[in-house]
C-alpha atoms as a PDB file:
ATOM      1  CA  MET A   1      28.105  28.094   5.452  1.00  0.00           C
ATOM      2  CA  ALA A   2      29.169  24.596   4.374  1.00  0.00           C
ATOM      3  CA  PRO A   3      26.538  21.840   4.400  1.00  0.00           C
ATOM      4  CA  SER A   4      26.691  19.478   7.360  1.00  0.00           C
ATOM      5  CA  ARG A   5      27.579  15.819   6.928  1.00  0.00           C
ATOM      6  CA  PRO A   6      24.804  13.245   6.394  1.00  0.00           C
ATOM      7  CA  MET A   7      23.592  11.375   9.464  1.00  0.00           C
ATOM      8  CA  THR A   8      25.328   8.014   9.889  1.00  0.00           C
ATOM      9  CA  LYS A   9      23.535   4.766  10.707  1.00  0.00           C
ATOM     10  CA  SER A  10      24.966   4.940  14.237  1.00  0.00           C
ATOM     11  CA  GLN A  11      23.699   8.504  14.729  1.00  0.00           C
ATOM     12  CA  LEU A  12      20.274   7.539  13.373  1.00  0.00           C
ATOM     13  CA  SER A  13      20.131   4.524  15.708  1.00  0.00           C
ATOM     14  CA  THR A  14      21.035   6.729  18.673  1.00  0.00           C
ATOM     15  CA  HIS A  15      18.358   9.274  17.739  1.00  0.00           C
ATOM     16  CA  ILE A  16      15.657   6.607  17.332  1.00  0.00           C
ATOM     17  CA  ALA A  17      16.681   4.924  20.601  1.00  0.00           C
ATOM     18  CA  GLU A  18      16.414   8.200  22.522  1.00  0.00           C
ATOM     19  CA  LYS A  19      13.062   9.148  20.946  1.00  0.00           C
ATOM     20  CA  ALA A  20      11.482   5.712  21.436  1.00  0.00           C
ATOM     21  CA  GLY A  21      13.037   4.977  24.821  1.00  0.00           C
ATOM     22  CA  ILE A  22      14.689   1.772  23.611  1.00  0.00           C
ATOM     23  CA  THR A  23      18.281   0.576  23.489  1.00  0.00           C
ATOM     24  CA  LYS A  24      20.577   1.598  20.660  1.00  0.00           C
ATOM     25  CA  LYS A  25      20.996  -2.106  19.815  1.00  0.00           C
ATOM     26  CA  ALA A  26      17.217  -2.509  19.424  1.00  0.00           C
ATOM     27  CA  ALA A  27      17.038   0.608  17.241  1.00  0.00           C
ATOM     28  CA  THR A  28      19.844  -0.740  15.021  1.00  0.00           C
ATOM     29  CA  GLU A  29      18.027  -4.080  14.702  1.00  0.00           C
ATOM     30  CA  ILE A  30      14.853  -2.236  13.648  1.00  0.00           C
ATOM     31  CA  LEU A  31      16.752  -0.309  10.945  1.00  0.00           C
ATOM     32  CA  ASP A  32      18.392  -3.519   9.705  1.00  0.00           C
ATOM     33  CA  GLU A  33      15.026  -5.302   9.576  1.00  0.00           C
ATOM     34  CA  ILE A  34      13.385  -2.434   7.661  1.00  0.00           C
ATOM     35  CA  ALA A  35      16.214  -2.610   5.095  1.00  0.00           C
ATOM     36  CA  ALA A  36      15.937  -6.407   4.823  1.00  0.00           C
ATOM     37  CA  VAL A  37      12.158  -6.265   4.311  1.00  0.00           C
ATOM     38  CA  ALA A  38      12.553  -3.459   1.746  1.00  0.00           C
ATOM     39  CA  TYR A  39      15.040  -5.513  -0.304  1.00  0.00           C
ATOM     40  CA  LYS A  40      12.899  -8.663  -0.120  1.00  0.00           C
ATOM     41  CA  GLU A  41       9.648  -6.905  -1.025  1.00  0.00           C
ATOM     42  CA  ALA A  42      11.217  -4.882  -3.857  1.00  0.00           C
ATOM     43  CA  LYS A  43      12.586  -8.100  -5.346  1.00  0.00           C
ATOM     44  CA  LYS A  44       9.364 -10.106  -4.845  1.00  0.00           C
ATOM     45  CA  ASN A  45       6.622  -7.505  -5.457  1.00  0.00           C
ATOM     46  CA  LYS A  46       8.650  -5.019  -7.519  1.00  0.00           C
ATOM     47  CA  GLN A  47       8.049  -2.254  -4.931  1.00  0.00           C
ATOM     48  CA  PHE A  48       8.260  -1.331  -1.251  1.00  0.00           C
ATOM     49  CA  THR A  49       6.665   1.763   0.256  1.00  0.00           C
ATOM     50  CA  ILE A  50       7.963   3.628   3.286  1.00  0.00           C
ATOM     51  CA  PRO A  51       4.921   5.731   4.277  1.00  0.00           C
ATOM     52  CA  GLY A  52       5.618   9.453   4.200  1.00  0.00           C
ATOM     53  CA  ILE A  53       9.091   9.017   2.658  1.00  0.00           C
ATOM     54  CA  GLY A  54       8.780   7.214  -0.661  1.00  0.00           C
ATOM     55  CA  LYS A  55       8.716   4.033  -2.660  1.00  0.00           C
ATOM     56  CA  LEU A  56      11.523   1.662  -3.660  1.00  0.00           C
ATOM     57  CA  VAL A  57      10.693   0.348  -7.159  1.00  0.00           C
ATOM     58  CA  LEU A  58      12.242  -2.409  -9.292  1.00  0.00           C
ATOM     59  CA  ASP A  59      12.012  -1.398 -12.937  1.00  0.00           C
ATOM     60  CA  ARG A  60      13.201  -2.687 -16.324  1.00  0.00           C
ATOM     61  CA  ARG A  61      15.256  -0.454 -18.574  1.00  0.00           C
ATOM     62  CA  LYS A  62      14.820  -1.206 -22.291  1.00  0.00           C
ATOM     63  CA  ALA A  63      17.717  -1.941 -24.624  1.00  0.00           C
ATOM     64  CA  ARG A  64      18.881   1.178 -26.423  1.00  0.00           C
ATOM     65  CA  MET A  65      21.600   2.635 -28.598  1.00  0.00           C
ATOM     66  CA  GLY A  66      24.321   4.667 -26.888  1.00  0.00           C
ATOM     67  CA  ARG A  67      27.636   6.249 -27.702  1.00  0.00           C
ATOM     68  CA  ASN A  68      31.095   5.438 -26.370  1.00  0.00           C
ATOM     69  CA  PRO A  69      32.285   8.855 -25.087  1.00  0.00           C
ATOM     70  CA  ALA A  70      35.965   8.019 -25.692  1.00  0.00           C
ATOM     71  CA  THR A  71      35.688   6.937 -29.344  1.00  0.00           C
ATOM     72  CA  GLY A  72      32.299   8.304 -30.411  1.00  0.00           C
ATOM     73  CA  GLU A  73      31.396   4.800 -31.612  1.00  0.00           C
ATOM     74  CA  THR A  74      27.694   3.843 -31.488  1.00  0.00           C
ATOM     75  CA  ILE A  75      27.091   0.856 -29.208  1.00  0.00           C
ATOM     76  CA  LYS A  76      24.083  -1.217 -28.203  1.00  0.00           C
ATOM     77  CA  ILE A  77      23.250  -1.040 -24.479  1.00  0.00           C
ATOM     78  CA  ALA A  78      21.493  -4.184 -23.231  1.00  0.00           C
ATOM     79  CA  ALA A  79      18.203  -4.183 -21.306  1.00  0.00           C
ATOM     80  CA  LYS A  80      18.573  -4.502 -17.535  1.00  0.00           C
ATOM     81  CA  LYS A  81      16.797  -4.262 -14.197  1.00  0.00           C
ATOM     82  CA  VAL A  82      17.278  -1.085 -12.149  1.00  0.00           C
ATOM     83  CA  VAL A  83      16.215   0.011  -8.674  1.00  0.00           C
ATOM     84  CA  LYS A  84      14.638   3.465  -8.364  1.00  0.00           C
ATOM     85  CA  PHE A  85      13.419   5.476  -5.396  1.00  0.00           C
ATOM     86  CA  ARG A  86      10.389   7.690  -5.868  1.00  0.00           C
ATOM     87  CA  VAL A  87      10.032  10.357  -3.206  1.00  0.00           C
ATOM     88  CA  ALA A  88       6.562  10.771  -1.677  1.00  0.00           C
ATOM     89  CA  LYS A  89       4.686  14.042  -2.117  1.00  0.00           C
ATOM     90  CA  ALA A  90       4.510  14.538   1.661  1.00  0.00           C
ATOM     91  CA  CYS A  91       8.303  14.252   1.850  1.00  0.00           C
ATOM     92  CA  LYS A  92       8.830  16.702  -1.015  1.00  0.00           C
ATOM     93  CA  ASP A  93       6.438  19.220   0.542  1.00  0.00           C
ATOM     94  CA  SER A  94       8.086  18.918   3.967  1.00  0.00           C
ATOM     95  CA  VAL A  95      11.681  19.175   2.705  1.00  0.00           C
ATOM     96  CA  LEU A  96      11.124  21.835   0.032  1.00  0.00           C
ATOM     97  CA  GLY A  97       8.699  23.865   2.133  1.00  0.00           C
END
């Protein structure tokens, strides 16, 4: 059996609207606001937690030496900021069983 397609934002909005008894437009606005707050908090406080799902974390990656796969030449990779998502234990336990 082939895996099903991921739920779209529209499908998620419809599901939330039906469960909460609100309009689809209101559910979409809630999702958009959660995303906006997550971005703002991750940038400002370096992390944003969604209870029961996980944590969005802003992290720094150190400079390091790498290798160009085409030529095999050693190159220096600069330090940079990266965004990571750490899955909560409750989520792992629920999904993995």
